[in-house]
């Protein structure tokens, strides 16, 4: 959405204007446009009581499945490498972060109809970190003409579509970008 604003902003610096004018499209991997949100009373409790009282405390495990590596990566060797990575964030999400993400997602939903540029989306319909319904909503809601947006349904690639399906992502992205640059899309 920021790029869309940049493309339309008057008086932007020349380097940004040049980038915005050359922008052809975007490739999205399991885009976070929707979340598995707990029931409204839980969200209210989170945002009204817990965040102000203890913003740095971690969400309980039942509210944060994103720390389960088996839900993200197919290959056990990749999971082990991730677990050994010293830069990996080892804890669960904090209350304040969860609340901010819910607000952020509302903003994304509100801006979907303004998206009018070409895009390609990859998503596993069984992704348990980011709901596939969000991707379906992106495909249905954006102003981009249907012939200029593509969805690659990638079953079995879990949440990290790039790592789990590098060949598919590379092949389809190259094809999509070539079609954009050549004017076929």
Protein backbone atom coordinates (compact mmCIF):
# COMPACT_ATOMS: atom_id res chain seq x y z
CA UNK A 1 0.00 0.00 0.00
CA UNK A 2 2.92 2.34 0.69
CA UNK A 3 4.21 1.78 -2.81
CA UNK A 4 0.79 2.61 -4.19
CA UNK A 5 0.86 5.87 -2.22
CA UNK A 6 4.37 6.57 -3.50
CA UNK A 7 3.25 6.02 -7.07
CA UNK A 8 0.55 8.65 -6.66
CA UNK A 9 2.37 11.16 -4.43
CA UNK A 10 3.16 14.57 -5.88
CA UNK A 11 6.60 16.02 -5.29
CA UNK A 12 8.31 12.76 -4.38
CA UNK A 13 12.13 12.66 -4.69
CA UNK A 14 13.34 11.85 -8.23
CA UNK A 15 14.84 8.49 -7.23
CA UNK A 16 11.52 7.34 -5.75
CA UNK A 17 9.56 8.73 -8.67
CA UNK A 18 11.81 6.80 -11.07
CA UNK A 19 11.30 3.60 -9.07
CA UNK A 20 7.53 4.09 -8.91
CA UNK A 21 7.35 4.71 -12.66
CA UNK A 22 9.31 1.53 -13.41
CA UNK A 23 7.29 -0.59 -10.95
CA UNK A 24 5.64 -3.40 -12.91
CA UNK A 25 4.07 -5.67 -10.34
CA UNK A 26 4.55 -7.68 -7.19
CA UNK A 27 4.99 -11.28 -6.09
CA UNK A 28 3.38 -12.19 -2.75
CA UNK A 29 4.15 -15.31 -0.72
CA UNK A 30 1.47 -16.34 1.79
CA UNK A 31 0.43 -12.69 2.21
CA UNK A 32 -0.61 -11.65 5.69
CA UNK A 33 -3.92 -10.02 4.84
CA UNK A 34 -6.03 -11.94 7.33
CA UNK A 35 -5.37 -13.80 10.58
CA UNK A 36 -6.82 -16.57 12.65
CA UNK A 37 -8.33 -14.15 15.16
CA UNK A 38 -9.64 -15.38 18.50
CA UNK A 39 -13.25 -14.64 19.49
CA UNK A 40 -14.18 -10.96 20.01
CA UNK A 41 -14.19 -11.17 23.84
CA UNK A 42 -10.61 -12.51 23.77
CA UNK A 43 -9.51 -9.71 21.42
CA UNK A 44 -11.19 -7.15 23.69
CA UNK A 45 -9.41 -8.59 26.73
CA UNK A 46 -6.11 -8.60 24.86
CA UNK A 47 -6.33 -5.01 23.61
CA UNK A 48 -8.09 -3.36 26.56
CA UNK A 49 -6.67 -5.13 29.58
CA UNK A 50 -3.59 -7.23 28.87
CA UNK A 51 -1.71 -4.91 26.49
CA UNK A 52 -1.87 -1.89 28.84
CA UNK A 53 -0.97 -4.00 31.89
CA UNK A 54 1.74 -6.23 30.45
CA UNK A 55 2.64 -5.33 26.84
CA UNK A 56 5.90 -7.30 26.89
CA UNK A 57 4.43 -10.54 28.17
CA UNK A 58 4.15 -13.37 25.66
CA UNK A 59 0.93 -14.65 24.20
CA UNK A 60 -0.04 -18.11 25.42
CA UNK A 61 0.89 -20.93 23.08
CA UNK A 62 -2.77 -21.52 22.10
CA UNK A 63 -2.83 -18.00 20.59
CA UNK A 64 0.52 -18.21 18.77
CA UNK A 65 1.07 -21.16 16.44
CA UNK A 66 3.75 -19.32 14.44
CA UNK A 67 6.48 -20.75 16.69
CA UNK A 68 5.79 -24.34 15.62
CA UNK A 69 8.41 -24.96 12.94
CA UNK A 70 6.59 -28.03 11.61
CA UNK A 71 3.75 -25.73 10.50
CA UNK A 72 6.19 -23.59 8.52
CA UNK A 73 8.81 -25.85 6.93
CA UNK A 74 8.43 -29.24 5.24
CA UNK A 75 12.09 -30.31 5.45
CA UNK A 76 13.34 -31.45 8.85
CA UNK A 77 16.87 -30.22 8.00
CA UNK A 78 15.50 -26.71 7.42
CA UNK A 79 13.67 -26.85 10.75
CA UNK A 80 16.87 -27.91 12.56
CA UNK A 81 18.86 -25.14 10.85
CA UNK A 82 16.25 -22.59 11.87
CA UNK A 83 16.28 -23.80 15.47
CA UNK A 84 20.08 -23.50 15.55
CA UNK A 85 20.07 -19.99 14.08
CA UNK A 86 21.36 -17.59 16.77
CA UNK A 87 19.39 -14.72 15.19
CA UNK A 88 16.07 -16.55 15.43
CA UNK A 89 13.52 -15.02 17.75
CA UNK A 90 13.00 -17.85 20.22
CA UNK A 91 9.96 -16.63 22.12
CA UNK A 92 6.26 -16.35 21.36
CA UNK A 93 4.70 -13.10 20.21
CA UNK A 94 4.16 -10.40 22.83
CA UNK A 95 0.70 -9.07 23.70
CA UNK A 96 1.46 -5.59 22.32
CA UNK A 97 2.75 -7.05 19.05
CA UNK A 98 -0.36 -9.20 18.63
CA UNK A 99 -2.58 -6.19 19.22
CA UNK A 100 -0.60 -4.07 16.75
CA UNK A 101 -0.85 -6.81 14.13
CA UNK A 102 -4.63 -6.92 14.49
CA UNK A 103 -4.76 -3.15 13.90
CA UNK A 104 -2.37 -3.49 10.95
CA UNK A 105 -4.55 -6.17 9.36
CA UNK A 106 -7.58 -3.88 9.59
CA UNK A 107 -5.64 -1.27 7.62
CA UNK A 108 -4.65 -3.81 4.98
CA UNK A 109 -8.26 -4.93 4.56
CA UNK A 110 -9.39 -1.31 4.22
CA UNK A 111 -6.84 -0.66 1.46
CA UNK A 112 -7.29 -3.76 -0.71
CA UNK A 113 -9.75 -2.10 -3.10
CA UNK A 114 -7.10 0.55 -3.90
CA UNK A 115 -4.61 -1.99 -5.25
CA UNK A 116 -4.57 -1.72 -9.02
CA UNK A 117 -1.17 -3.07 -10.04
CA UNK A 118 -0.37 -6.57 -11.35
CA UNK A 119 0.53 -9.24 -8.83
CA UNK A 120 1.22 -12.94 -8.44
CA UNK A 121 0.34 -14.75 -5.20
CA UNK A 122 1.58 -18.12 -3.93
CA UNK A 123 -0.26 -19.69 -1.01
CA UNK A 124 -0.84 -23.14 0.46
CA UNK A 125 -4.59 -23.56 1.07
CA UNK A 126 -3.75 -25.50 4.25
CA UNK A 127 -1.44 -22.79 5.69
CA UNK A 128 -2.25 -22.65 9.42
CA UNK A 129 -0.24 -19.47 10.09
CA UNK A 130 -1.94 -17.16 7.55
CA UNK A 131 -5.46 -18.11 6.37
CA UNK A 132 -5.87 -18.90 2.68
CA UNK A 133 -9.18 -17.02 2.87
CA UNK A 134 -7.14 -13.80 3.05
CA UNK A 135 -5.54 -14.56 -0.29
CA UNK A 136 -8.93 -15.36 -1.79
CA UNK A 137 -10.13 -12.00 -0.50
CA UNK A 138 -7.14 -10.25 -2.13
CA UNK A 139 -7.97 -11.91 -5.44
CA UNK A 140 -11.64 -10.90 -5.20
CA UNK A 141 -11.29 -7.39 -3.75
CA UNK A 142 -8.41 -5.64 -5.50
CA UNK A 143 -9.04 -3.31 -8.44
CA UNK A 144 -6.40 -5.11 -10.52
CA UNK A 145 -8.06 -6.62 -13.61
CA UNK A 146 -8.33 -10.42 -13.34
CA UNK A 147 -5.99 -11.00 -16.29
CA UNK A 148 -3.25 -9.05 -14.44
CA UNK A 149 -3.38 -11.03 -11.20
CA UNK A 150 -2.56 -14.68 -10.69
CA UNK A 151 -2.92 -17.11 -7.82
CA UNK A 152 -0.71 -20.17 -7.59
CA UNK A 153 -2.34 -22.59 -5.15
CA UNK A 154 0.58 -24.45 -3.61
CA UNK A 155 -0.71 -27.41 -1.55
CA UNK A 156 1.77 -29.02 0.81
CA UNK A 157 4.17 -26.05 0.90
CA UNK A 158 2.94 -24.87 4.30
CA UNK A 159 3.63 -21.30 5.36
CA UNK A 160 7.14 -20.73 3.93
CA UNK A 161 6.25 -21.23 0.28
CA UNK A 162 9.62 -19.89 -0.90
CA UNK A 163 11.81 -22.30 1.08
CA UNK A 164 9.49 -25.27 0.62
CA UNK A 165 8.82 -24.66 -3.08
CA UNK A 166 11.76 -22.68 -4.45
CA UNK A 167 11.61 -24.20 -7.95
CA UNK A 168 7.88 -23.48 -8.30
CA UNK A 169 8.26 -19.90 -7.02
CA UNK A 170 11.28 -19.20 -9.23
CA UNK A 171 9.68 -20.63 -12.38
CA UNK A 172 6.26 -18.99 -11.96
CA UNK A 173 7.69 -15.64 -10.79
CA UNK A 174 10.06 -15.49 -13.75
CA UNK A 175 7.23 -16.28 -16.15
CA UNK A 176 4.97 -13.66 -14.56
CA UNK A 177 7.63 -10.93 -14.55
CA UNK A 178 8.65 -11.71 -18.14
CA UNK A 179 5.01 -11.37 -19.21
CA UNK A 180 4.76 -8.02 -17.40
CA UNK A 181 7.98 -6.62 -18.85
CA UNK A 182 7.13 -7.77 -22.38
CA UNK A 183 3.67 -6.19 -22.17
CA UNK A 184 1.77 -9.49 -22.39
CA UNK A 185 -0.03 -8.67 -19.12
